[in-house]
C-alpha cells in the first residue's frame, strides 16, 4: 500500500519506522491507542518526494481596490508500507 504524507527528512529508497501508531485493525479486532499504541510499529520505504498541485490563495476586498493572488505548492513524500508489527500483548 502506498501513502502520501507530509515531507519527511529521508532519502528515496530508505526505510523509515513510524512508532506513533494511532489505530490497528487485526483479526477482526480494532485497537485504538490513547494516544498511541505501545509496541506497535509501521515500517515503510520512501518511494519519492514531490510537490502537490498548486493552490491559489486570492484575497479580495470589495470597493477598496485590494486584490492579492498567491500560489502555494506543498511538499509530499510517497511511502510504501512494508510491514505493520503488532505489540507482543494486544490490549483489550
C-alpha atoms as a PDB file:
ATOM      1  CA  UNK A   1       0.000   0.000   0.000  1.00  0.00           C
ATOM      2  CA  UNK A   2       1.361   3.441  -0.898  1.00  0.00           C
ATOM      3  CA  UNK A   3       0.524   6.573   1.084  1.00  0.00           C
ATOM      4  CA  UNK A   4       1.176  10.272   0.564  1.00  0.00           C
ATOM      5  CA  UNK A   5       2.351  12.025   3.733  1.00  0.00           C
ATOM      6  CA  UNK A   6       3.903  15.394   4.557  1.00  0.00           C
ATOM      7  CA  UNK A   7       7.582  15.724   3.664  1.00  0.00           C
ATOM      8  CA  UNK A   8       9.935  13.731   5.893  1.00  0.00           C
ATOM      9  CA  UNK A   9      13.702  14.043   6.065  1.00  0.00           C
ATOM     10  CA  UNK A  10      14.741  10.741   4.437  1.00  0.00           C
ATOM     11  CA  UNK A  11      16.300   9.826   1.108  1.00  0.00           C
ATOM     12  CA  UNK A  12      14.459   7.924  -1.622  1.00  0.00           C
ATOM     13  CA  UNK A  13      14.748   4.162  -1.190  1.00  0.00           C
ATOM     14  CA  UNK A  14      15.458   4.470   2.540  1.00  0.00           C
ATOM     15  CA  UNK A  15      13.414   2.532   5.110  1.00  0.00           C
ATOM     16  CA  UNK A  16      11.551   4.516   7.769  1.00  0.00           C
ATOM     17  CA  UNK A  17       9.886   3.387  11.009  1.00  0.00           C
ATOM     18  CA  UNK A  18       6.811   5.043  12.470  1.00  0.00           C
ATOM     19  CA  UNK A  19       6.358   4.195  16.150  1.00  0.00           C
ATOM     20  CA  UNK A  20       3.456   6.505  16.939  1.00  0.00           C
ATOM     21  CA  UNK A  21       0.586   4.295  15.749  1.00  0.00           C
ATOM     22  CA  UNK A  22      -2.935   5.509  16.492  1.00  0.00           C
ATOM     23  CA  UNK A  23      -5.108   2.593  15.351  1.00  0.00           C
ATOM     24  CA  UNK A  24      -4.685  -1.058  14.364  1.00  0.00           C
ATOM     25  CA  UNK A  25      -7.245  -3.474  12.992  1.00  0.00           C
ATOM     26  CA  UNK A  26      -6.138  -7.110  13.183  1.00  0.00           C
ATOM     27  CA  UNK A  27      -8.102 -10.381  13.218  1.00  0.00           C
ATOM     28  CA  UNK A  28     -11.416  -8.518  13.273  1.00  0.00           C
ATOM     29  CA  UNK A  29     -10.421  -6.510  16.363  1.00  0.00           C
ATOM     30  CA  UNK A  30      -9.862  -2.781  16.374  1.00  0.00           C
ATOM     31  CA  UNK A  31      -7.324  -1.344  18.807  1.00  0.00           C
ATOM     32  CA  UNK A  32      -7.348   2.386  19.452  1.00  0.00           C
ATOM     33  CA  UNK A  33      -4.423   3.981  21.269  1.00  0.00           C
ATOM     34  CA  UNK A  34      -4.640   6.546  23.989  1.00  0.00           C
ATOM     35  CA  UNK A  35      -2.998   8.463  22.339  1.00  0.00           C
ATOM     36  CA  UNK A  36      -0.658   5.812  20.820  1.00  0.00           C
ATOM     37  CA  UNK A  37      -0.435   2.015  20.887  1.00  0.00           C
ATOM     38  CA  UNK A  38       2.619   0.901  22.869  1.00  0.00           C
ATOM     39  CA  UNK A  39       4.878  -1.500  20.968  1.00  0.00           C
ATOM     40  CA  UNK A  40       3.252  -1.085  17.547  1.00  0.00           C
ATOM     41  CA  UNK A  41       5.433  -0.046  14.599  1.00  0.00           C
ATOM     42  CA  UNK A  42       4.934   0.565  10.887  1.00  0.00           C
ATOM     43  CA  UNK A  43       7.896   0.033   8.571  1.00  0.00           C
ATOM     44  CA  UNK A  44       7.787   1.831   5.230  1.00  0.00           C
ATOM     45  CA  UNK A  45      10.078   2.627   2.318  1.00  0.00           C
ATOM     46  CA  UNK A  46      10.350   6.111   0.821  1.00  0.00           C
ATOM     47  CA  UNK A  47       9.341   5.938  -2.846  1.00  0.00           C
ATOM     48  CA  UNK A  48       9.713   9.600  -3.851  1.00  0.00           C
ATOM     49  CA  UNK A  49       9.448  13.240  -2.803  1.00  0.00           C
ATOM     50  CA  UNK A  50       7.254  15.522  -4.880  1.00  0.00           C
ATOM     51  CA  UNK A  51       5.215  18.708  -4.826  1.00  0.00           C
ATOM     52  CA  UNK A  52       1.426  18.670  -4.941  1.00  0.00           C
ATOM     53  CA  UNK A  53      -0.955  20.727  -7.057  1.00  0.00           C
ATOM     54  CA  UNK A  54      -0.796  24.479  -6.886  1.00  0.00           C
ATOM     55  CA  UNK A  55      -3.381  26.034  -4.608  1.00  0.00           C
ATOM     56  CA  UNK A  56      -4.389  29.605  -5.417  1.00  0.00           C
ATOM     57  CA  UNK A  57      -4.880  31.947  -2.463  1.00  0.00           C
ATOM     58  CA  UNK A  58      -6.866  35.016  -3.521  1.00  0.00           C
ATOM     59  CA  UNK A  59      -7.707  37.859  -1.165  1.00  0.00           C
ATOM     60  CA  UNK A  60     -10.214  40.483  -2.234  1.00  0.00           C
ATOM     61  CA  UNK A  61     -11.891  43.442  -0.557  1.00  0.00           C
ATOM     62  CA  UNK A  62     -14.803  44.889  -2.498  1.00  0.00           C
ATOM     63  CA  UNK A  63     -14.756  48.617  -3.330  1.00  0.00           C
ATOM     64  CA  UNK A  64     -11.231  49.064  -1.922  1.00  0.00           C
ATOM     65  CA  UNK A  65      -9.049  48.117  -4.923  1.00  0.00           C
ATOM     66  CA  UNK A  66      -7.402  45.419  -2.826  1.00  0.00           C
ATOM     67  CA  UNK A  67      -6.511  42.161  -4.563  1.00  0.00           C
ATOM     68  CA  UNK A  68      -3.741  39.699  -3.720  1.00  0.00           C
ATOM     69  CA  UNK A  69      -3.147  36.492  -5.623  1.00  0.00           C
ATOM     70  CA  UNK A  70      -0.590  33.990  -4.376  1.00  0.00           C
ATOM     71  CA  UNK A  71       0.080  30.342  -5.086  1.00  0.00           C
ATOM     72  CA  UNK A  72       1.326  27.545  -2.859  1.00  0.00           C
ATOM     73  CA  UNK A  73       2.625  24.037  -3.589  1.00  0.00           C
ATOM     74  CA  UNK A  74       3.006  21.643  -0.675  1.00  0.00           C
ATOM     75  CA  UNK A  75       5.857  19.101  -0.494  1.00  0.00           C
ATOM     76  CA  UNK A  76       4.809  15.451  -0.025  1.00  0.00           C
ATOM     77  CA  UNK A  77       6.561  12.108   0.423  1.00  0.00           C
ATOM     78  CA  UNK A  78       5.157   8.912  -1.081  1.00  0.00           C
ATOM     79  CA  UNK A  79       5.879   5.891   1.141  1.00  0.00           C
ATOM     80  CA  UNK A  80       5.206   2.199   0.576  1.00  0.00           C
ATOM     81  CA  UNK A  81       4.131   0.299   3.701  1.00  0.00           C
ATOM     82  CA  UNK A  82       6.238  -2.847   4.071  1.00  0.00           C
ATOM     83  CA  UNK A  83       5.275  -4.183   7.500  1.00  0.00           C
ATOM     84  CA  UNK A  84       2.959  -3.446  10.414  1.00  0.00           C
ATOM     85  CA  UNK A  85       4.239  -5.030  13.618  1.00  0.00           C
ATOM     86  CA  UNK A  86       1.787  -5.531  16.445  1.00  0.00           C
ATOM     87  CA  UNK A  87       2.677  -5.258  20.116  1.00  0.00           C
ATOM     88  CA  UNK A  88       3.500  -8.541  21.859  1.00  0.00           C
ATOM     89  CA  UNK A  89       0.390  -8.293  24.025  1.00  0.00           C
ATOM     90  CA  UNK A  90      -2.654  -6.815  22.378  1.00  0.00           C
ATOM     91  CA  UNK A  91      -4.616  -4.516  24.703  1.00  0.00           C
ATOM     92  CA  UNK A  92      -8.264  -5.399  25.155  1.00  0.00           C
END
